[in-house]
Amino acid sequence: MIESIRLQKFRSYGDASFEFEPGVNIVVGPNASGKTNLLEAVLVLARGSSYRARDVELIQFSEYWARLDGYFSQGTNRSLKLELEGEQLQKTYLIEDKPYRRISLDKTIPVVYFEPNHLQLITRGPDQRRDYFDELLERSLPGYKTNLNSYRRALAQRNALLKHGPQAGQQQLFAWNVRLSELGEKIAAARGGLVDKINQDLSKTYSKISKRKSELMLNYDSQFPISGYANRLLASLERNIQADYQRGFTSHGPHREDFSFELNGQNANVSASRGETRSIMLALKIFELNLIEEARGERAIFLLDDVFSELDSGRRKALVKYLKDRQTIITTTDADTVIEYFTATTKIIPLTR
């Protein structure tokens, strides 16, 4: 739980401080008043990085430094310092006054973020879906981020060799094929395990939200069966070397795979209505909230960026049921569209341009 935060030269804030209550906090203000920037600041302090920008972009325009200071439950304090030295950015975390250059998963604070762009996840391209589920695994499965970064480095090395054409060393290329296959199997296995876990409750949660009994399933559209994935990927990389030379990139592996939703036997990516799409994403976000809390053994902070305006009354009520006993920070341009769904005390945080 976050108790307070101070933002200095961060995004649109010169110097501002905010306090939060343990329950529901509603940040109200017109567009361009800094609502999203405030949620982003909480997210950066909790997770260590932004969901939408590079670290250097967090510093207020024309300034050379930024700082965040947050106080969390049980007296824990943490800070983030960003400072430009020429063209180099220095980034330092302070957790209980101890400095870190980067923070590991166990030093992050569990937080779940939900914003309107997430509602387009189902209909957008595979890159967005891969990023979403990979990021979810990074925050819940120790070691996954390391494997994924290693895979991306190996992929970059193989692609660099491909761009040199057939004159590139075959032996060197084979070594990267083996490396990609080994790491690819770990990534595919983790993704498959996550999908299996999601599907345990996805239909049930979706049916509660939509008020209609339905069968909803998430599929991992892997190029190869998880069992024996490494051997099959290696054979495919070897078999397609000439085609990859012509393309200039690697055409097989986890970086080319996708996820899809199946609603009552039909591909939801194509056939789901606007309302069904929103119910699917709500069900997925509720799973994310429960997964992060299970992985970390504590309640997560729930950040909702103008999501209520995108949902009808029924879906708002369904979402509110899952906010009980969790600290929630909600942004909106109209407090009345949010506050009517809460009977408990809420804290209003007004912002102006």
Protein backbone atom coordinates (compact mmCIF):
# COMPACT_ATOMS: atom_id res chain seq x y z
CA MET A 1 0.00 0.00 0.00
CA ILE A 2 1.28 3.46 -0.86
CA GLU A 3 0.71 6.21 1.71
CA SER A 4 2.19 9.23 -0.07
CA ILE A 5 4.31 10.28 -3.03
CA ARG A 6 6.29 13.34 -4.04
CA LEU A 7 7.06 14.08 -7.70
CA GLN A 8 9.84 16.49 -8.65
CA LYS A 9 10.43 17.44 -12.29
CA PHE A 10 8.63 14.24 -13.28
CA ARG A 11 6.59 14.52 -16.49
CA SER A 12 4.16 17.45 -16.07
CA TYR A 13 4.92 17.93 -12.35
CA GLY A 14 7.42 20.51 -11.12
CA ASP A 15 7.02 19.67 -7.44
CA ALA A 16 3.85 18.08 -6.07
CA SER A 17 2.89 15.75 -3.23
CA PHE A 18 -0.11 13.46 -2.76
CA GLU A 19 -1.45 11.30 0.07
CA PHE A 20 -3.52 8.15 -0.37
CA GLU A 21 -5.97 6.20 1.77
CA PRO A 22 -5.91 2.39 2.15
CA GLY A 23 -9.19 1.95 0.21
CA VAL A 24 -10.43 3.73 -2.91
CA ASN A 25 -8.74 6.93 -4.06
CA ILE A 26 -10.34 8.87 -6.94
CA VAL A 27 -8.11 11.28 -8.84
CA VAL A 28 -10.36 13.82 -10.59
CA GLY A 29 -9.36 16.38 -13.17
CA PRO A 30 -9.77 17.54 -16.76
CA ASN A 31 -7.75 16.10 -19.61
CA ALA A 32 -4.05 17.09 -19.55
CA SER A 33 -4.14 17.74 -15.79
CA GLY A 34 -1.60 15.01 -15.00
CA LYS A 35 -3.84 12.13 -13.89
CA THR A 36 -2.06 9.48 -15.96
CA ASN A 37 1.34 10.90 -15.00
CA LEU A 38 0.47 10.46 -11.32
CA LEU A 39 -0.46 6.80 -11.82
CA GLU A 40 2.71 6.32 -13.87
CA ALA A 41 4.77 7.71 -10.99
CA VAL A 42 3.24 5.20 -8.56
CA LEU A 43 3.89 2.43 -11.08
CA VAL A 44 7.51 3.44 -11.64
CA LEU A 45 8.25 3.53 -7.90
CA ALA A 46 6.58 0.16 -7.39
CA ARG A 47 7.90 -1.74 -10.43
CA GLY A 48 11.05 0.11 -11.39
CA SER A 49 10.12 1.20 -14.89
CA SER A 50 7.36 2.82 -16.91
CA TYR A 51 4.90 0.92 -19.07
CA ARG A 52 4.90 3.58 -21.79
CA ALA A 53 8.20 5.46 -21.93
CA ARG A 54 11.96 5.25 -21.67
CA ASP A 55 13.51 6.48 -18.43
CA VAL A 56 14.90 9.64 -20.04
CA GLU A 57 11.39 10.63 -21.14
CA LEU A 58 10.21 10.72 -17.53
CA ILE A 59 12.27 13.83 -16.86
CA GLN A 60 10.33 17.05 -17.33
CA PHE A 61 11.03 18.76 -20.66
CA SER A 62 14.16 20.97 -20.65
CA GLU A 63 15.21 19.69 -17.19
CA TYR A 64 18.18 17.42 -16.45
CA TRP A 65 16.91 15.51 -13.42
CA ALA A 66 13.77 14.04 -11.86
CA ARG A 67 12.99 12.42 -8.54
CA LEU A 68 10.20 10.36 -6.99
CA ASP A 69 9.83 9.69 -3.27
CA GLY A 70 7.21 7.28 -1.96
CA TYR A 71 6.20 6.03 1.46
CA PHE A 72 4.61 2.62 1.59
CA SER A 73 2.95 0.52 4.29
CA GLN A 74 4.92 -0.55 7.35
CA GLY A 75 7.15 2.51 7.11
CA THR A 76 8.95 1.45 3.94
CA ASN A 77 10.31 4.32 1.86
CA ARG A 78 11.78 4.27 -1.63
CA SER A 79 13.05 6.85 -4.05
CA LEU A 80 14.02 7.02 -7.70
CA LYS A 81 16.59 9.50 -9.01
CA LEU A 82 17.07 10.20 -12.71
CA GLU A 83 19.90 12.50 -13.73
CA LEU A 84 21.28 13.42 -17.14
CA GLU A 85 25.05 13.78 -17.34
CA GLY A 86 25.64 14.93 -20.90
CA GLU A 87 23.84 12.30 -22.98
CA GLN A 88 24.17 9.63 -20.29
CA LEU A 89 21.31 8.92 -17.91
CA GLN A 90 22.10 7.92 -14.34
CA LYS A 91 19.30 5.98 -12.64
CA THR A 92 19.38 5.16 -8.94
CA TYR A 93 16.84 3.52 -6.65
CA LEU A 94 16.93 4.05 -2.93
CA ILE A 95 15.07 1.46 -0.86
CA GLU A 96 15.31 2.22 2.85
CA ASP A 97 18.21 4.54 1.85
CA LYS A 98 20.16 1.67 0.26
CA PRO A 99 21.11 2.38 -3.41
CA TYR A 100 20.38 0.05 -6.34
CA ARG A 101 21.02 0.47 -10.07
CA ARG A 102 18.17 -1.89 -10.87
CA ILE A 103 15.69 -3.77 -8.73
CA SER A 104 14.94 -7.49 -8.84
CA LEU A 105 11.43 -8.96 -8.78
CA ASP A 106 11.49 -9.55 -5.03
CA LYS A 107 12.18 -5.86 -4.40
CA THR A 108 9.26 -4.62 -6.49
CA ILE A 109 5.87 -3.81 -4.97
CA PRO A 110 2.91 -5.74 -6.46
CA VAL A 111 0.78 -3.45 -8.59
CA VAL A 112 -1.69 -3.98 -11.44
CA TYR A 113 -2.39 -1.29 -14.02
CA PHE A 114 -5.52 -1.10 -16.20
CA GLU A 115 -6.01 1.55 -18.88
CA PRO A 116 -8.28 1.95 -21.93
CA ASN A 117 -5.66 0.71 -24.44
CA HIS A 118 -5.76 -2.68 -22.74
CA LEU A 119 -9.32 -3.04 -24.03
CA GLN A 120 -7.87 -3.24 -27.55
CA LEU A 121 -5.50 -6.09 -26.72
CA ILE A 122 -7.69 -8.74 -28.32
CA THR A 123 -8.06 -7.00 -31.67
CA ARG A 124 -4.57 -5.54 -32.00
CA GLY A 125 -1.49 -7.25 -33.46
CA PRO A 126 0.44 -10.19 -31.99
CA ASP A 127 3.25 -7.94 -30.74
CA GLN A 128 0.93 -6.37 -28.17
CA ARG A 129 -0.36 -9.73 -26.96
CA ARG A 130 3.14 -11.20 -26.66
CA ASP A 131 4.30 -8.13 -24.73
CA TYR A 132 1.32 -8.31 -22.37
CA PHE A 133 1.71 -11.97 -21.44
CA ASP A 134 5.51 -11.83 -21.34
CA GLU A 135 5.36 -8.86 -18.98
CA LEU A 136 2.87 -10.73 -16.80
CA LEU A 137 5.30 -13.67 -16.60
CA GLU A 138 8.19 -11.33 -15.81
CA ARG A 139 6.26 -10.04 -12.78
CA SER A 140 5.13 -13.42 -11.49
CA LEU A 141 7.73 -16.04 -12.51
CA PRO A 142 11.31 -15.66 -11.20
CA GLY A 143 13.89 -16.13 -13.94
CA TYR A 144 11.54 -15.53 -16.86
CA LYS A 145 12.82 -12.02 -17.55
CA THR A 146 16.40 -13.29 -17.64
CA ASN A 147 15.50 -16.05 -20.11
CA LEU A 148 13.53 -13.67 -22.32
CA ASN A 149 16.35 -11.11 -22.42
CA SER A 150 18.86 -13.86 -23.23
CA TYR A 151 16.61 -15.09 -26.05
CA ARG A 152 16.33 -11.57 -27.49
CA ARG A 153 20.12 -11.15 -27.44
CA ALA A 154 20.61 -14.50 -29.17
CA LEU A 155 17.95 -13.60 -31.74
CA ALA A 156 19.71 -10.30 -32.46
CA GLN A 157 23.01 -12.14 -32.99
CA ARG A 158 21.43 -14.65 -35.38
CA ASN A 159 19.65 -11.90 -37.33
CA ALA A 160 22.93 -9.97 -37.63
CA LEU A 161 24.58 -13.05 -39.16
CA LEU A 162 21.66 -13.56 -41.55
CA LYS A 163 22.08 -10.03 -42.86
CA HIS A 164 25.64 -10.89 -43.91
CA GLY A 165 24.22 -13.56 -46.22
CA PRO A 166 25.43 -17.12 -46.88
CA GLN A 167 29.05 -16.06 -46.42
CA ALA A 168 28.38 -15.86 -42.68
CA GLY A 169 30.00 -18.73 -40.81
CA GLN A 170 27.73 -21.79 -40.80
CA GLN A 171 29.26 -23.08 -37.61
CA GLN A 172 28.62 -19.79 -35.83
CA LEU A 173 25.04 -19.77 -37.09
CA PHE A 174 24.47 -23.31 -35.84
CA ALA A 175 25.67 -22.30 -32.36
CA TRP A 176 23.03 -19.55 -32.24
CA ASN A 177 20.39 -21.98 -33.56
CA VAL A 178 21.11 -24.27 -30.61
CA ARG A 179 21.04 -21.38 -28.16
CA LEU A 180 17.75 -20.03 -29.54
CA SER A 181 16.17 -23.48 -29.38
CA GLU A 182 17.14 -24.05 -25.75
CA LEU A 183 15.91 -20.65 -24.61
CA GLY A 184 12.85 -20.80 -26.87
CA GLU A 185 11.65 -23.98 -25.18
CA LYS A 186 11.86 -22.32 -21.74
CA ILE A 187 9.83 -19.35 -22.97
CA ALA A 188 7.22 -21.50 -24.71
CA ALA A 189 6.87 -23.75 -21.66
CA ALA A 190 6.33 -20.75 -19.37
CA ARG A 191 3.77 -19.23 -21.73
CA GLY A 192 1.94 -22.56 -22.04
CA GLY A 193 1.88 -22.96 -18.26
CA LEU A 194 0.45 -19.46 -17.85
CA VAL A 195 -2.29 -20.14 -20.40
CA ASP A 196 -3.24 -23.37 -18.60
CA LYS A 197 -3.51 -21.46 -15.32
CA ILE A 198 -5.60 -18.68 -16.86
CA ASN A 199 -8.03 -21.18 -18.37
CA GLN A 200 -8.81 -22.73 -14.97
CA ASP A 201 -11.09 -19.81 -14.03
CA LEU A 202 -11.43 -17.67 -17.16
CA SER A 203 -14.86 -18.97 -18.23
CA LYS A 204 -16.23 -18.71 -14.71
CA THR A 205 -15.06 -15.11 -14.25
CA TYR A 206 -16.23 -14.08 -17.70
CA SER A 207 -19.69 -15.58 -17.09
CA LYS A 208 -20.04 -13.61 -13.84
CA ILE A 209 -19.13 -10.36 -15.59
CA SER A 210 -21.30 -10.90 -18.67
CA LYS A 211 -24.20 -12.36 -16.64
CA ARG A 212 -24.36 -15.18 -19.21
CA LYS A 213 -22.92 -18.69 -19.02
CA SER A 214 -20.19 -18.86 -21.63
CA GLU A 215 -17.08 -20.83 -22.51
CA LEU A 216 -14.01 -18.64 -22.87
CA MET A 217 -10.55 -20.07 -23.57
CA LEU A 218 -7.14 -18.53 -24.15
CA ASN A 219 -4.92 -20.34 -26.64
CA TYR A 220 -1.17 -20.13 -27.02
CA ASP A 221 -0.67 -20.41 -30.77
CA SER A 222 2.74 -22.06 -30.61
CA GLN A 223 4.49 -23.16 -33.81
CA PHE A 224 5.48 -26.45 -32.16
CA PRO A 225 4.19 -28.67 -29.33
CA ILE A 226 5.68 -27.68 -25.98
CA SER A 227 6.94 -31.24 -25.52
CA GLY A 228 10.01 -31.47 -27.71
CA TYR A 229 9.87 -27.76 -28.60
CA ALA A 230 13.66 -27.27 -28.59
CA ASN A 231 14.36 -30.12 -31.02
CA ARG A 232 11.58 -29.06 -33.37
CA LEU A 233 12.65 -25.42 -33.34
CA LEU A 234 16.27 -26.36 -34.00
CA ALA A 235 15.23 -28.53 -36.96
CA SER A 236 13.09 -25.69 -38.32
CA LEU A 237 15.88 -23.12 -37.97
CA GLU A 238 18.27 -25.41 -39.83
CA ARG A 239 15.72 -26.27 -42.52
CA ASN A 240 14.81 -22.63 -43.18
CA ILE A 241 18.27 -21.08 -43.25
CA GLN A 242 18.13 -20.15 -46.93
CA ALA A 243 14.70 -18.57 -46.59
CA ASP A 244 15.88 -16.67 -43.51
CA TYR A 245 18.91 -15.41 -45.45
CA GLN A 246 16.56 -13.97 -48.04
CA ARG A 247 14.27 -12.41 -45.43
CA GLY A 248 17.12 -11.13 -43.30
CA PHE A 249 15.44 -12.27 -40.06
CA THR A 250 14.52 -15.39 -38.10
CA SER A 251 11.08 -16.65 -39.08
CA HIS A 252 10.50 -19.27 -36.35
CA GLY A 253 10.53 -19.14 -32.57
CA PRO A 254 8.59 -17.61 -29.65
CA HIS A 255 9.06 -14.10 -31.06
CA ARG A 256 6.77 -15.08 -33.98
CA GLU A 257 4.01 -16.76 -31.94
CA ASP A 258 0.66 -15.40 -30.81
CA PHE A 259 -2.21 -15.78 -28.34
CA SER A 260 -5.90 -15.96 -29.21
CA PHE A 261 -9.22 -16.06 -27.36
CA GLU A 262 -11.98 -18.50 -28.18
CA LEU A 263 -15.49 -17.52 -27.05
CA ASN A 264 -18.17 -20.22 -27.31
CA GLY A 265 -16.15 -22.00 -29.99
CA GLN A 266 -15.46 -18.91 -32.12
CA ASN A 267 -12.33 -16.84 -32.53
CA ALA A 268 -12.99 -13.83 -30.29
CA ASN A 269 -10.22 -11.85 -32.03
CA VAL A 270 -12.57 -11.70 -35.03
CA SER A 271 -16.13 -12.29 -33.81
CA ALA A 272 -16.39 -10.71 -30.31
CA SER A 273 -18.62 -7.67 -29.96
CA ARG A 274 -17.44 -4.50 -28.23
CA GLY A 275 -19.18 -5.54 -25.01
CA GLU A 276 -17.80 -9.09 -25.16
CA THR A 277 -14.29 -7.74 -25.74
CA ARG A 278 -14.58 -5.59 -22.62
CA SER A 279 -15.82 -8.53 -20.56
CA ILE A 280 -12.90 -10.65 -21.77
CA MET A 281 -10.38 -7.99 -20.77
CA LEU A 282 -12.02 -7.49 -17.38
CA ALA A 283 -11.81 -11.24 -16.74
CA LEU A 284 -8.15 -11.22 -17.81
CA LYS A 285 -7.30 -8.25 -15.58
CA ILE A 286 -8.98 -9.91 -12.60
CA PHE A 287 -6.85 -13.00 -13.24
CA GLU A 288 -3.75 -10.77 -13.41
CA LEU A 289 -4.64 -9.21 -10.07
CA ASN A 290 -5.05 -12.61 -8.42
CA LEU A 291 -1.90 -14.03 -10.05
CA ILE A 292 0.32 -11.17 -8.89
CA GLU A 293 -1.06 -11.40 -5.36
CA GLU A 294 -0.57 -15.17 -5.28
CA ALA A 295 2.99 -14.89 -6.59
CA ARG A 296 3.95 -12.17 -4.10
CA GLY A 297 1.89 -13.24 -1.10
CA GLU A 298 0.37 -9.79 -0.51
CA ARG A 299 -2.35 -7.49 -1.80
CA ALA A 300 -1.57 -5.51 -4.94
CA ILE A 301 -2.18 -1.82 -5.55
CA PHE A 302 -4.79 -1.54 -8.33
CA LEU A 303 -4.39 1.42 -10.70
CA LEU A 304 -7.32 2.21 -13.00
CA ASP A 305 -6.69 4.94 -15.55
CA ASP A 306 -10.02 6.30 -16.84
CA VAL A 307 -11.37 2.78 -17.31
CA PHE A 308 -14.82 3.48 -15.83
CA SER A 309 -15.68 5.76 -18.76
CA GLU A 310 -15.12 2.80 -21.11
CA LEU A 311 -17.45 0.41 -19.25
CA ASP A 312 -21.22 0.24 -18.97
CA SER A 313 -23.02 0.08 -15.62
CA GLY A 314 -23.05 -3.73 -15.40
CA ARG A 315 -19.34 -4.09 -16.05
CA ARG A 316 -18.52 -1.26 -13.63
CA LYS A 317 -20.42 -3.11 -10.90
CA ALA A 318 -18.61 -6.36 -11.77
CA LEU A 319 -15.23 -4.66 -11.52
CA VAL A 320 -16.04 -2.93 -8.22
CA LYS A 321 -16.65 -6.32 -6.55
CA TYR A 322 -12.96 -7.14 -7.01
CA LEU A 323 -11.72 -3.89 -5.46
CA LYS A 324 -12.73 -4.91 -1.94
CA ASP A 325 -9.85 -4.96 0.56
CA ARG A 326 -7.42 -3.58 -2.03
CA GLN A 327 -5.94 -0.14 -2.29
CA THR A 328 -7.20 1.33 -5.56
CA ILE A 329 -6.33 4.57 -7.33
CA ILE A 330 -8.82 5.53 -10.05
CA THR A 331 -8.55 8.47 -12.44
CA THR A 332 -11.57 10.11 -14.03
CA THR A 333 -12.75 13.41 -15.49
CA ASP A 334 -16.08 13.01 -13.68
CA ALA A 335 -16.11 11.76 -10.09
CA ASP A 336 -19.88 11.12 -10.20
CA THR A 337 -19.42 8.30 -12.73
CA VAL A 338 -17.19 6.49 -10.24
CA ILE A 339 -18.19 7.36 -6.70
CA GLU A 340 -21.77 6.07 -7.00
CA TYR A 341 -20.41 2.50 -7.16
CA PHE A 342 -18.72 2.71 -3.78
CA THR A 343 -20.54 2.63 -0.45
CA ALA A 344 -17.35 2.77 1.64
CA THR A 345 -15.46 6.01 2.23
CA THR A 346 -13.46 7.24 -0.73
CA LYS A 347 -10.75 9.88 -0.92
CA ILE A 348 -11.10 12.50 -3.68
CA ILE A 349 -7.86 13.94 -5.05
CA PRO A 350 -8.64 16.96 -7.26
CA LEU A 351 -6.27 18.06 -10.03
CA THR A 352 -6.33 21.19 -12.16
CA ARG A 353 -4.46 22.02 -15.33
